[in-house]
Protein backbone atom coordinates (compact mmCIF):
# COMPACT_ATOMS: atom_id res chain seq x y z
CA MET A 1 106.82 144.33 65.48
CA VAL A 2 106.32 145.09 69.19
CA GLN A 3 103.74 142.31 69.46
CA LYS A 4 106.16 139.89 67.78
CA ASN A 5 108.93 140.83 70.24
CA TYR A 6 106.60 140.22 73.20
CA TYR A 7 105.72 136.84 71.72
CA LEU A 8 109.39 135.89 71.33
CA LEU A 9 110.12 137.05 74.90
CA PHE A 10 107.26 134.90 76.23
CA ILE A 11 108.56 131.85 74.34
CA LEU A 12 112.08 132.48 75.68
CA LEU A 13 110.86 132.79 79.29
CA PHE A 14 108.66 129.70 78.99
CA THR A 15 111.52 127.68 77.49
CA THR A 16 113.92 128.85 80.20
CA VAL A 17 111.54 127.89 83.02
CA PHE A 18 110.69 124.56 81.40
CA SER A 19 114.37 123.76 80.83
CA ALA A 20 115.23 124.61 84.44
CA GLN A 21 112.53 122.28 85.70
CA ALA A 22 113.49 119.53 83.28
CA GLN A 23 117.18 119.84 84.18
CA LYS A 24 116.71 119.64 87.93
CA LYS A 25 118.64 116.61 88.98
CA SER A 26 116.86 113.85 90.85
CA TYR A 27 117.67 113.26 94.50
CA ILE A 28 119.65 110.13 93.58
CA GLN A 29 121.68 112.09 91.01
CA SER A 30 122.31 114.87 93.54
CA LEU A 31 123.95 112.41 95.92
CA GLU A 32 126.84 112.04 93.48
CA GLU A 33 127.76 115.73 93.60
CA PRO A 34 129.54 117.87 96.21
CA ASN A 35 127.27 120.30 98.03
CA GLU A 36 128.44 123.31 100.03
CA TRP A 37 125.26 123.63 102.07
CA VAL A 38 125.32 119.96 103.08
CA ASP A 39 129.00 120.24 104.00
CA SER A 40 128.50 123.41 106.05
CA VAL A 41 125.57 121.97 108.05
CA PHE A 42 127.28 118.60 108.49
CA HIS A 43 130.47 120.11 109.94
CA LYS A 44 128.50 122.14 112.49
CA LEU A 45 126.85 119.06 113.96
CA LYS A 46 128.32 117.35 116.99
CA ARG A 47 128.22 113.57 117.33
CA ARG A 48 124.99 113.48 119.32
CA GLN A 49 123.34 115.93 116.93
CA LYS A 50 124.35 113.80 113.94
CA ILE A 51 122.76 110.74 115.51
CA ALA A 52 119.62 112.75 116.29
CA GLN A 53 119.24 113.54 112.57
CA LEU A 54 118.38 109.86 112.02
CA PHE A 55 115.24 110.09 114.18
CA PHE A 56 111.83 111.33 113.01
CA VAL A 57 109.05 111.70 115.59
CA ARG A 58 105.25 111.67 115.39
CA ALA A 59 103.31 114.94 115.04
CA HIS A 60 99.55 115.66 115.09
CA THR A 61 97.29 118.69 114.88
CA ASP A 62 94.31 116.96 116.46
CA LYS A 63 95.70 116.19 119.93
CA GLY A 64 95.64 119.62 121.56
CA GLN A 65 98.13 122.19 122.74
CA ALA A 66 99.90 120.06 125.34
CA TYR A 67 100.79 117.41 122.76
CA GLU A 68 101.92 120.02 120.21
CA ASP A 69 104.12 121.67 122.85
CA SER A 70 105.68 118.32 123.81
CA VAL A 71 106.77 117.76 120.20
CA GLY A 72 108.18 121.28 120.14
CA ARG A 73 110.30 120.50 123.21
CA VAL A 74 111.69 117.39 121.50
CA ILE A 75 112.60 119.43 118.42
CA ARG A 76 114.34 122.12 120.46
CA LYS A 77 116.11 119.86 122.94
CA GLU A 78 116.98 116.75 120.90
CA ARG A 79 117.53 118.40 117.49
CA ILE A 80 115.91 115.51 115.63
CA GLY A 81 115.98 115.15 111.84
CA GLY A 82 112.32 115.37 111.00
CA LEU A 83 108.64 114.75 111.67
CA VAL A 84 105.99 112.36 110.44
CA PHE A 85 102.58 114.03 110.55
CA PHE A 86 99.44 112.06 111.26
CA GLN A 87 95.81 113.16 111.80
CA GLY A 88 94.71 116.77 111.75
CA GLY A 89 93.87 119.44 109.20
CA PRO A 90 95.86 121.16 106.43
CA GLY A 91 95.59 124.72 107.74
CA ARG A 92 96.51 123.71 111.28
CA GLN A 93 99.41 121.64 109.99
CA ALA A 94 100.80 124.54 107.95
CA ILE A 95 100.71 126.81 111.02
CA LEU A 96 102.26 124.20 113.28
CA THR A 97 104.96 123.35 110.73
CA ASN A 98 106.01 127.01 110.66
CA LYS A 99 106.29 126.96 114.46
CA TYR A 100 108.25 123.72 114.48
CA GLN A 101 110.66 124.84 111.75
CA ALA A 102 111.31 128.05 113.70
CA LEU A 103 112.37 125.91 116.70
CA ALA A 104 114.76 123.75 114.67
CA ARG A 105 118.48 124.58 114.41
CA THR A 106 118.71 122.28 111.38
CA PRO A 107 115.61 122.39 109.15
CA LEU A 108 113.20 119.50 109.66
CA LEU A 109 112.32 117.10 106.87
CA ILE A 110 108.52 116.73 107.04
CA ALA A 111 106.83 113.51 105.92
CA SER A 112 103.54 111.67 106.12
CA ASP A 113 101.78 108.65 104.64
CA GLY A 114 99.80 109.72 101.60
CA GLU A 115 99.14 106.61 99.56
CA TRP A 116 95.93 108.22 98.28
CA GLY A 117 97.05 111.79 98.94
CA LEU A 118 96.64 114.13 101.90
CA GLY A 119 93.25 112.59 102.64
CA MET A 120 94.93 109.49 104.05
CA ARG A 121 95.78 111.53 107.16
CA LEU A 122 94.14 114.95 107.01
CA ASP A 123 90.55 116.14 107.09
CA SER A 124 89.29 118.74 104.60
CA THR A 125 91.59 117.41 101.87
CA ILE A 126 91.29 115.30 98.72
CA SER A 127 91.46 111.52 98.77
CA PHE A 128 92.34 109.98 95.43
CA PRO A 129 91.24 106.39 94.72
CA TYR A 130 92.96 103.62 96.67
CA GLN A 131 95.80 101.79 94.99
CA MET A 132 93.71 98.63 94.45
CA ALA A 133 91.37 100.67 92.25
CA LEU A 134 94.30 102.34 90.48
CA GLY A 135 95.60 98.89 89.66
CA ALA A 136 92.60 98.48 87.35
CA ILE A 137 93.47 101.56 85.29
CA GLN A 138 95.02 100.99 81.86
CA ASP A 139 96.25 104.56 81.28
CA LYS A 140 99.23 105.03 83.58
CA GLU A 141 99.49 108.71 82.54
CA LEU A 142 96.48 109.41 84.78
CA ILE A 143 98.38 107.95 87.74
CA TYR A 144 101.42 110.08 86.87
CA LYS A 145 99.16 113.16 86.92
CA MET A 146 97.88 112.07 90.32
CA GLY A 147 101.48 112.03 91.54
CA LEU A 148 101.98 115.60 90.33
CA GLU A 149 98.82 116.76 92.14
CA VAL A 150 99.79 115.00 95.37
CA ALA A 151 103.21 116.69 95.19
CA LYS A 152 101.54 120.11 94.88
CA ASP A 153 99.38 119.38 97.93
CA TYR A 154 102.32 118.19 100.03
CA ARG A 155 104.53 121.12 99.17
CA ARG A 156 101.70 123.59 99.74
CA ILE A 157 101.54 122.65 103.42
CA GLY A 158 105.30 122.38 103.91
CA MET A 159 105.88 118.64 103.51
CA HIS A 160 108.84 117.19 101.66
CA MET A 161 108.37 113.41 101.59
CA ASN A 162 105.46 111.08 100.93
CA LEU A 163 105.91 107.65 102.54
CA ALA A 164 104.38 106.09 99.42
CA PRO A 165 103.64 104.43 97.07
CA ASP A 166 102.97 100.96 98.43
CA VAL A 167 104.63 98.53 96.02
CA ASP A 168 103.67 95.32 97.85
CA ILE A 169 102.19 92.58 95.68
CA ASN A 170 98.90 91.56 97.25
CA ASN A 171 98.96 87.87 96.38
CA ASN A 172 97.25 86.86 99.63
CA PRO A 173 93.53 87.81 99.70
CA LYS A 174 93.54 87.42 103.50
CA ASN A 175 96.19 90.10 104.00
CA PRO A 176 94.84 92.31 106.83
CA ILE A 177 97.16 95.30 106.39
CA ILE A 178 98.05 95.74 102.69
CA ASN A 179 95.10 94.52 100.61
CA TYR A 180 93.37 97.59 99.05
CA ARG A 181 96.61 99.58 99.56
CA SER A 182 98.28 97.46 96.87
CA PHE A 183 98.03 97.92 93.09
CA GLY A 184 97.20 94.21 92.91
CA GLU A 185 98.65 90.72 92.56
CA ASN A 186 100.67 91.00 89.35
CA LYS A 187 104.28 92.12 89.80
CA TYR A 188 104.46 93.87 86.43
CA ASN A 189 101.20 95.76 86.97
CA VAL A 190 102.29 96.79 90.47
CA ALA A 191 105.67 98.00 89.24
CA THR A 192 104.19 99.92 86.29
CA LYS A 193 101.48 101.71 88.27
CA ALA A 194 103.76 102.42 91.25
CA ALA A 195 106.44 103.84 88.94
CA ALA A 196 103.92 106.22 87.36
CA TYR A 197 102.80 107.49 90.78
CA MET A 198 106.38 107.76 92.02
CA LYS A 199 107.59 109.65 88.95
CA GLY A 200 104.71 112.10 89.18
CA MET A 201 105.55 112.91 92.79
CA GLN A 202 109.31 113.15 92.23
CA ASP A 203 108.87 115.27 89.09
CA GLY A 204 106.68 117.50 91.26
CA GLY A 205 109.56 118.03 93.71
CA LEU A 206 108.50 115.52 96.35
CA LEU A 207 110.67 112.82 97.89
CA VAL A 208 109.09 109.37 98.08
CA SER A 209 109.57 106.17 100.05
CA ILE A 210 108.42 103.01 98.29
CA LYS A 211 107.31 100.35 100.75
CA HIS A 212 107.41 97.78 102.45
CA PHE A 213 110.72 96.13 101.48
CA PRO A 214 111.20 93.28 100.75
CA GLY A 215 107.42 92.83 100.28
CA HIS A 216 104.51 92.69 102.73
CA GLY A 217 101.85 91.33 100.38
CA ASP A 218 101.76 87.63 101.19
CA THR A 219 101.11 87.65 104.94
CA ASP A 220 98.02 87.25 107.08
CA VAL A 221 99.50 89.04 110.12
CA ASP A 222 99.38 92.81 110.74
CA SER A 223 102.84 93.98 111.77
CA HIS A 224 101.29 96.77 113.84
CA TYR A 225 100.32 94.08 116.34
CA ASP A 226 102.70 91.15 115.83
CA LEU A 227 105.67 89.95 113.78
CA PRO A 228 104.65 88.32 110.48
CA GLN A 229 106.85 85.55 109.08
CA LEU A 230 107.48 84.94 105.40
CA ASN A 231 108.49 81.33 104.82
CA PHE A 232 109.48 81.57 101.18
CA SER A 233 112.74 80.77 99.43
CA LYS A 234 115.17 83.50 98.45
CA ALA A 235 114.55 82.63 94.80
CA ARG A 236 110.79 83.14 95.20
CA LEU A 237 111.24 86.42 97.08
CA ASP A 238 113.77 87.69 94.55
CA SER A 239 111.59 86.86 91.54
CA LEU A 240 108.26 88.03 92.98
CA GLU A 241 108.11 90.18 96.14
CA ILE A 242 111.34 92.08 95.45
CA TYR A 243 110.64 92.62 91.74
CA PRO A 244 108.77 95.99 92.05
CA PHE A 245 111.48 97.31 94.38
CA LYS A 246 114.20 96.42 91.89
CA ALA A 247 112.24 98.09 89.10
CA LEU A 248 111.61 101.32 91.01
CA VAL A 249 115.14 101.52 92.43
CA ALA A 250 116.34 101.32 88.82
CA GLU A 251 113.96 104.17 87.95
CA GLY A 252 115.34 106.47 90.65
CA ALA A 253 113.26 106.00 93.80
CA ALA A 254 114.48 108.45 96.43
CA GLY A 255 113.62 106.29 99.42
CA VAL A 256 112.73 102.74 100.44
CA MET A 257 110.86 101.81 103.62
CA ILE A 258 111.68 98.53 105.34
CA ALA A 259 108.93 96.21 106.61
CA HIS A 260 108.80 94.52 110.02
CA MET A 261 108.80 90.86 108.95
CA ASN A 262 110.78 87.79 109.92
CA ILE A 263 112.18 86.16 106.76
CA PRO A 264 114.30 83.08 107.57
CA ALA A 265 115.47 82.59 103.96
CA LEU A 266 117.13 86.03 104.05
CA ASP A 267 118.21 86.10 107.71
CA ASN A 268 117.67 83.07 109.96
CA THR A 269 118.13 84.97 113.23
CA PRO A 270 115.10 83.93 115.37
CA ASN A 271 112.38 86.60 115.71
CA LEU A 272 114.49 89.22 113.93
CA PRO A 273 112.38 91.70 111.93
CA SER A 274 113.71 92.63 108.50
CA THR A 275 114.03 96.23 109.74
CA LEU A 276 116.78 95.12 112.11
CA SER A 277 118.53 92.75 109.69
CA LYS A 278 121.83 93.91 108.23
CA PRO A 279 121.82 91.09 105.64
CA ILE A 280 118.46 92.40 104.36
CA VAL A 281 118.81 96.17 104.72
CA THR A 282 122.47 96.54 103.79
CA GLY A 283 123.22 93.21 102.14
CA ILE A 284 120.24 92.99 99.79
CA LEU A 285 118.87 96.52 99.40
CA ARG A 286 122.06 98.57 99.58
CA GLU A 287 124.53 96.12 98.05
CA GLU A 288 122.66 93.64 95.82
CA LEU A 289 120.12 96.13 94.48
CA GLY A 290 122.64 98.98 94.51
CA PHE A 291 120.24 101.39 96.19
CA LYS A 292 121.91 104.73 96.97
CA GLY A 293 119.00 106.68 98.45
CA LEU A 294 117.35 106.96 101.85
CA ILE A 295 116.49 103.78 103.73
CA ILE A 296 113.63 104.37 106.17
CA SER A 297 112.31 102.05 108.84
CA ASP A 298 108.63 101.40 109.25
CA ALA A 299 107.34 102.83 112.53
CA MET A 300 109.62 101.69 115.36
CA GLU A 301 106.73 101.76 117.82
CA MET A 302 104.97 98.85 116.08
CA LYS A 303 104.67 95.55 117.93
CA GLY A 304 106.21 93.73 114.97
CA VAL A 305 109.57 95.29 115.81
CA VAL A 306 109.55 95.92 119.60
CA LYS A 307 107.90 92.66 120.68
CA HIS A 308 111.24 90.84 120.82
CA PHE A 309 113.63 93.81 121.09
CA LYS A 310 112.69 96.03 123.99
CA ASP A 311 114.02 99.05 125.87
CA GLY A 312 115.54 100.74 122.84
CA GLU A 313 117.55 97.80 121.52
CA ALA A 314 115.38 97.83 118.38
CA ASP A 315 116.58 101.37 117.61
CA VAL A 316 120.22 100.37 117.94
CA LEU A 317 119.80 97.30 115.75
CA GLY A 318 117.89 99.40 113.21
CA VAL A 319 120.90 101.69 112.84
CA ILE A 320 123.33 98.76 112.73
CA ALA A 321 121.20 97.19 109.99
CA GLY A 322 121.68 100.25 107.80
CA ASN A 323 118.51 102.33 108.11
CA ASP A 324 119.17 106.03 107.52
CA ILE A 325 115.94 107.19 109.14
CA LEU A 326 114.18 105.56 112.09
CA GLU A 327 110.66 106.87 112.33
CA LEU A 328 108.56 106.93 115.47
CA SER A 329 110.96 105.48 118.02
CA GLU A 330 109.27 104.76 121.35
CA ASN A 331 111.76 107.14 122.96
CA SER A 332 114.02 109.15 120.66
CA ALA A 333 116.18 110.61 123.47
CA ARG A 334 116.90 107.13 124.81
CA ALA A 335 117.59 105.89 121.28
CA VAL A 336 120.20 108.59 120.62
CA LYS A 337 121.93 107.77 123.89
CA LEU A 338 121.95 104.04 123.14
CA VAL A 339 123.33 104.59 119.63
CA ARG A 340 126.15 106.74 121.11
CA ASN A 341 126.96 103.89 123.48
CA ALA A 342 126.93 101.44 120.57
CA ILE A 343 129.43 103.62 118.71
CA ARG A 344 131.74 103.62 121.75
CA GLU A 345 131.39 99.84 121.93
CA GLU A 346 132.26 99.68 118.21
CA ARG A 347 128.95 98.01 117.32
CA ILE A 348 128.34 100.92 114.91
CA SER A 349 130.95 102.95 113.03
CA MET A 350 130.81 106.72 112.97
CA ASP A 351 131.45 106.54 109.22
CA GLN A 352 128.09 104.80 108.81
CA ILE A 353 126.32 107.52 110.84
CA ASP A 354 128.05 110.22 108.79
CA ALA A 355 126.94 108.63 105.52
CA SER A 356 123.33 108.50 106.72
CA VAL A 357 123.44 112.12 107.89
CA ARG A 358 124.78 113.25 104.53
CA ARG A 359 121.96 111.44 102.72
CA ILE A 360 119.42 113.10 105.03
CA LEU A 361 120.95 116.55 104.58
CA MET A 362 121.04 116.12 100.82
CA ALA A 363 117.35 115.23 100.93
CA LYS A 364 116.72 118.46 102.83
CA TYR A 365 118.72 120.43 100.27
CA TRP A 366 116.90 118.78 97.35
CA ALA A 367 113.56 119.63 99.00
CA GLY A 368 114.59 123.31 99.24
CA LEU A 369 115.29 123.49 102.97
CA ASN A 370 118.59 125.26 102.33
CA LEU A 371 116.49 128.36 101.69
CA LYS A 372 114.86 129.83 104.77
CA ASP A 373 111.20 130.24 104.01
CA SER A 374 107.85 129.88 105.74
CA ILE A 375 104.57 128.42 104.58
CA ASN A 376 101.85 130.84 103.52
CA GLU A 377 99.14 130.24 106.13
CA ALA A 378 96.34 131.89 104.12
CA ASN A 379 93.84 129.97 101.96
CA VAL A 380 95.45 126.61 102.68
CA ALA A 381 92.24 124.53 102.54
CA ALA A 382 91.17 126.07 99.23
CA GLU A 383 94.58 125.54 97.68
CA VAL A 384 94.71 121.82 98.52
CA ASN A 385 91.20 121.34 97.11
CA ARG A 386 91.87 122.56 93.59
CA LYS A 387 89.30 122.10 90.82
CA GLU A 388 91.82 120.35 88.62
CA SER A 389 92.53 117.81 91.37
CA LEU A 390 88.84 117.09 91.87
CA ALA A 391 88.42 116.68 88.11
CA LEU A 392 91.34 114.24 88.06
CA VAL A 393 89.76 112.22 90.88
CA GLN A 394 86.69 111.68 88.68
CA GLN A 395 88.85 110.85 85.66
CA LEU A 396 90.68 108.24 87.71
CA ALA A 397 87.42 106.80 89.01
CA ASN A 398 86.04 106.59 85.48
CA ALA A 399 89.15 104.73 84.34
CA THR A 400 88.85 102.14 87.12
CA MET A 401 85.40 100.89 86.11
CA THR A 402 85.67 97.17 85.48
CA LEU A 403 82.85 95.39 83.67
CA LEU A 404 82.52 91.66 84.20
CA ASN A 405 80.17 89.21 82.42
CA GLY A 406 79.64 91.42 79.39
CA PRO A 407 77.81 94.66 78.51
CA GLY A 408 74.68 93.07 77.07
CA ALA A 409 72.27 93.86 79.91
CA ILE A 410 73.51 97.46 80.13
CA LYS A 411 73.15 98.10 76.41
CA ALA A 412 69.59 96.74 76.57
CA LEU A 413 68.48 99.34 79.13
CA SER A 414 65.83 101.83 78.00
CA VAL A 415 65.03 105.25 79.47
CA ALA A 416 61.36 104.62 78.76
CA LYS A 417 61.04 101.50 80.88
CA ARG A 418 60.12 101.30 84.56
CA THR A 419 63.38 101.01 86.49
CA ALA A 420 64.05 99.89 90.05
CA VAL A 421 67.37 100.96 91.56
CA ILE A 422 68.16 99.11 94.79
CA SER A 423 70.94 100.01 97.21
CA ILE A 424 72.09 97.13 99.41
CA GLY A 425 74.23 97.76 102.49
CA THR A 426 73.20 101.30 103.26
CA PRO A 427 69.93 102.69 104.67
CA GLY A 428 69.65 105.95 102.73
CA ILE A 429 69.33 107.00 99.12
CA THR A 430 72.78 106.93 97.46
CA THR A 431 74.55 109.10 94.91
CA PHE A 432 74.43 106.07 92.59
CA GLN A 433 70.63 106.02 92.79
CA ARG A 434 70.27 109.77 92.30
CA GLU A 435 72.55 109.74 89.25
CA LEU A 436 70.55 106.94 87.64
CA GLY A 437 67.20 108.43 88.66
CA ALA A 438 68.04 111.70 86.89
CA PHE A 439 68.62 109.78 83.66
CA TYR A 440 66.11 106.95 83.80
CA LYS A 441 63.12 109.14 84.60
CA ASN A 442 60.67 106.35 85.35
CA THR A 443 62.69 105.13 88.36
CA VAL A 444 61.85 104.11 91.92
CA PHE A 445 64.49 103.78 94.65
CA PHE A 446 64.69 100.98 97.22
CA SER A 447 67.15 100.68 100.10
CA LEU A 448 68.13 97.71 102.26
CA ASP A 449 70.54 98.21 105.14
CA LYS A 450 73.31 95.65 105.67
CA THR A 451 71.35 93.93 108.45
CA ALA A 452 68.05 93.65 106.51
CA ASN A 453 66.07 90.56 107.49
CA ALA A 454 63.92 88.21 105.44
CA ASN A 455 60.78 90.36 105.84
CA ALA A 456 62.50 93.52 104.58
CA VAL A 457 64.00 91.65 101.65
CA ALA A 458 60.70 89.96 100.78
CA LYS A 459 58.89 93.31 100.71
CA VAL A 460 61.37 94.79 98.22
CA MET A 461 61.21 91.63 96.08
CA ARG A 462 57.40 91.94 95.95
CA ASP A 463 57.55 95.65 95.17
CA ILE A 464 59.90 95.29 92.19
CA LYS A 465 57.88 92.59 90.40
CA GLY A 466 56.20 95.11 88.14
CA PHE A 467 59.43 96.74 86.98
CA ASP A 468 60.98 96.17 83.55
CA GLN A 469 64.62 96.63 84.56
CA VAL A 470 66.51 96.40 87.86
CA VAL A 471 69.86 97.86 88.91
CA ILE A 472 71.41 96.85 92.22
CA GLY A 473 74.25 98.65 93.98
CA ILE A 474 76.10 96.71 96.69
CA HIS A 475 77.70 99.19 99.09
CA ASP A 476 80.37 98.69 101.75
CA SER A 477 79.72 101.39 104.34
CA ARG A 478 82.98 100.90 106.26
CA THR A 479 85.64 103.60 106.26
CA ARG A 480 88.13 101.39 104.41
CA PRO A 481 87.26 98.81 101.73
CA GLY A 482 88.69 95.63 103.22
CA ASN A 483 87.57 92.02 103.03
CA GLY A 484 84.77 90.64 105.18
CA MET A 485 82.02 92.99 104.09
CA VAL A 486 79.05 92.35 106.36
CA LEU A 487 75.69 91.63 104.75
CA SER A 488 72.90 89.57 106.28
CA ALA A 489 72.32 86.04 105.02
CA ASP A 490 68.95 87.16 103.64
CA LEU A 491 70.62 89.87 101.53
CA LYS A 492 73.13 87.37 100.17
CA LEU A 493 70.27 85.06 99.22
CA MET A 494 68.58 87.98 97.46
CA ILE A 495 71.78 88.70 95.50
CA LYS A 496 71.93 85.04 94.48
CA ASP A 497 68.30 85.05 93.33
CA MET A 498 68.58 88.35 91.44
CA SER A 499 71.73 87.12 89.69
CA LYS A 500 69.50 84.69 87.79
CA THR A 501 67.51 87.59 86.28
CA ASN A 502 68.53 90.41 83.94
CA ALA A 503 69.45 92.63 86.94
CA ILE A 504 72.62 94.72 86.62
CA PHE A 505 74.98 94.82 89.62
CA ALA A 506 77.55 97.39 90.74
CA LEU A 507 79.91 96.56 93.61
CA PHE A 508 81.15 99.54 95.64
CA ALA A 509 83.56 97.46 97.69
CA ASN A 510 86.83 95.57 97.61
CA PRO A 511 86.60 93.04 94.74
CA TYR A 512 87.65 90.19 97.05
CA ASN A 513 84.15 90.43 98.56
CA LEU A 514 82.69 88.98 95.38
CA ALA A 515 83.77 85.57 96.65
CA SER A 516 81.17 85.79 99.43
CA PHE A 517 78.24 86.35 97.03
CA ALA A 518 77.31 82.89 95.76
CA GLY A 519 75.75 82.96 92.31
CA ILE A 520 76.80 86.51 91.35
CA GLU A 521 79.06 85.02 88.67
CA ARG A 522 75.83 84.26 86.75
CA SER A 523 74.72 87.90 86.66
CA GLN A 524 74.21 89.47 83.23
CA SER A 525 76.44 92.52 83.85
CA LEU A 526 78.56 93.28 86.91
CA ILE A 527 80.51 96.49 87.45
CA VAL A 528 83.35 96.45 89.98
CA ALA A 529 83.67 99.97 91.38
CA TYR A 530 86.14 99.13 94.19
CA GLN A 531 85.06 101.58 96.93
CA LYS A 532 82.08 103.47 98.32
CA GLU A 533 82.99 107.09 97.51
CA ASP A 534 80.70 109.32 95.45
CA PHE A 535 83.19 109.60 92.58
CA MET A 536 82.99 105.83 92.13
CA GLN A 537 79.19 105.88 92.29
CA LYS A 538 79.08 108.59 89.61
CA ALA A 539 81.43 106.60 87.39
CA ALA A 540 79.41 103.38 87.74
CA ALA A 541 76.20 105.28 87.00
CA ALA A 542 77.81 106.73 83.86
CA VAL A 543 78.56 103.18 82.66
CA ILE A 544 74.95 102.13 83.26
CA LYS A 545 73.73 105.24 81.44
CA ASN A 546 75.89 104.11 78.48
CA GLN A 547 77.83 107.37 78.75
CA LEU A 548 81.14 105.80 79.80
CA VAL A 549 82.89 102.82 78.24
CA PRO A 550 84.48 100.81 81.08
CA THR A 551 88.16 100.04 80.47
CA GLY A 552 89.33 98.74 83.86
CA LYS A 553 90.82 95.28 84.36
CA LEU A 554 90.55 93.30 87.59
CA PRO A 555 93.89 93.76 89.45
CA VAL A 556 93.45 90.62 91.58
CA THR A 557 92.03 87.12 91.28
CA VAL A 558 88.92 86.71 93.41
CA ASN A 559 88.06 83.08 92.64
CA GLU A 560 87.71 80.73 89.67
CA PHE A 561 85.03 82.98 88.13
CA PHE A 562 86.74 86.37 88.50
CA LYS A 563 90.42 86.26 87.65
CA TYR A 564 93.21 88.80 87.31
CA GLY A 565 92.88 90.83 84.11
CA ALA A 566 89.15 90.23 83.67
CA GLY A 567 87.19 93.12 82.19
CA GLU A 568 85.54 94.02 78.91
């Protein structure tokens, strides 16, 4: 009887906790309700302090004490709304966040870019696969789980908002800034995968900011360095670029980040970035799409926005346009002063400022900043490198594996036969080779660095003549898997020649690079593994060991041979 009562009590407690979590209103829903904490904080703020809530400044834990102290002075003196953390480490960031929150009269909303998790900015943390690879996955539940894990990591080190996911449609292979950060070229695939990631994070108690509205995918200019122009009709933009934003706004996105792009069809003001355009920010996003959440500018220090609007005018126009949060102003103190002047000149209404401040304060309440608390500074690194997260990384990698040209050559492999495993693009023995060598016991490894000349290539070609089966890994050694992978002409000729044999290929690089390998479309079996990391090499090796059935589908069109949706 006692045991039964304990069991019933456990069920009751579990149900209560689960119901409380399930019933927590979303940030968007919370905006509709009165809130005493928001009201009390709002009424204590003077005009200058309200304006300062709109500004989020850059923070680092890798720039030394003087830099950290300078940010602390800005927090104390200017009473800004929040911080955007960049490079550093998780333990250091937790400690510094505690110090910064202690300096703040109004709690700071802490954000960072984490498109693939904390590892996008911080050392000693987990990097999940890039969004291009995730675009290949057919089971969106895995991406939802990734969102939950990223939310745990963010909250563990005191962050409240992830400036992600990227919902740009990468329909321009030459895009220098989005590319592998996009889920791909298909608007439905992008919207579905982005929604799964977003929901996971928001269900995990993390605010998000989908980006870069109204769509940064079809440009060949990097807005960090110049102002891109999109010369498409409103109908095209509305049906394609804006589609994922519409879909995710309808599904409750907490925030939307605005891109720095000139779009004449939406606002024909010469050289005006979308960030500073009231017809785009307020007219389209706020009014046409009915978005009620936080509107966030892309970094206001980028050349795409300050090139034509200097000396703080960009900040003023950003507020006029309808942005709630302006991140990384060149000079936040100057910006606050200029916005105050603009209010006196009736260029901006105080009602608009008040509405933005209330949205920001409600975000802080929703994130739990109404409760005074500090981050536990012990065991931070261990607790953002959880076993379950690492296991999920491998599950995600496994689900990305995309097999082109059929499985025949892989199924024909035999553990008894002499096997050559060649790594192209890297000088040392790779994880891919070791994984295969442990399974195919009669294996010899060969390596050819990315600059290998004709003599080096010829030697390997001679040495492998006596082997029964050949597996070739093509590795991009760069930090990020962009286009323009560098391999010598002799290596490309080798790839072309080996594509005529029964050799099996695995590409650990951005799939767009396939276009530079003439003849590879004739290969017997080709695995696209998207990036160089060990978890991708293990997954590709598992496919070649016939231990993993590849289910990924190509998220972009490479050329006439490799089109969107290809995959066994």
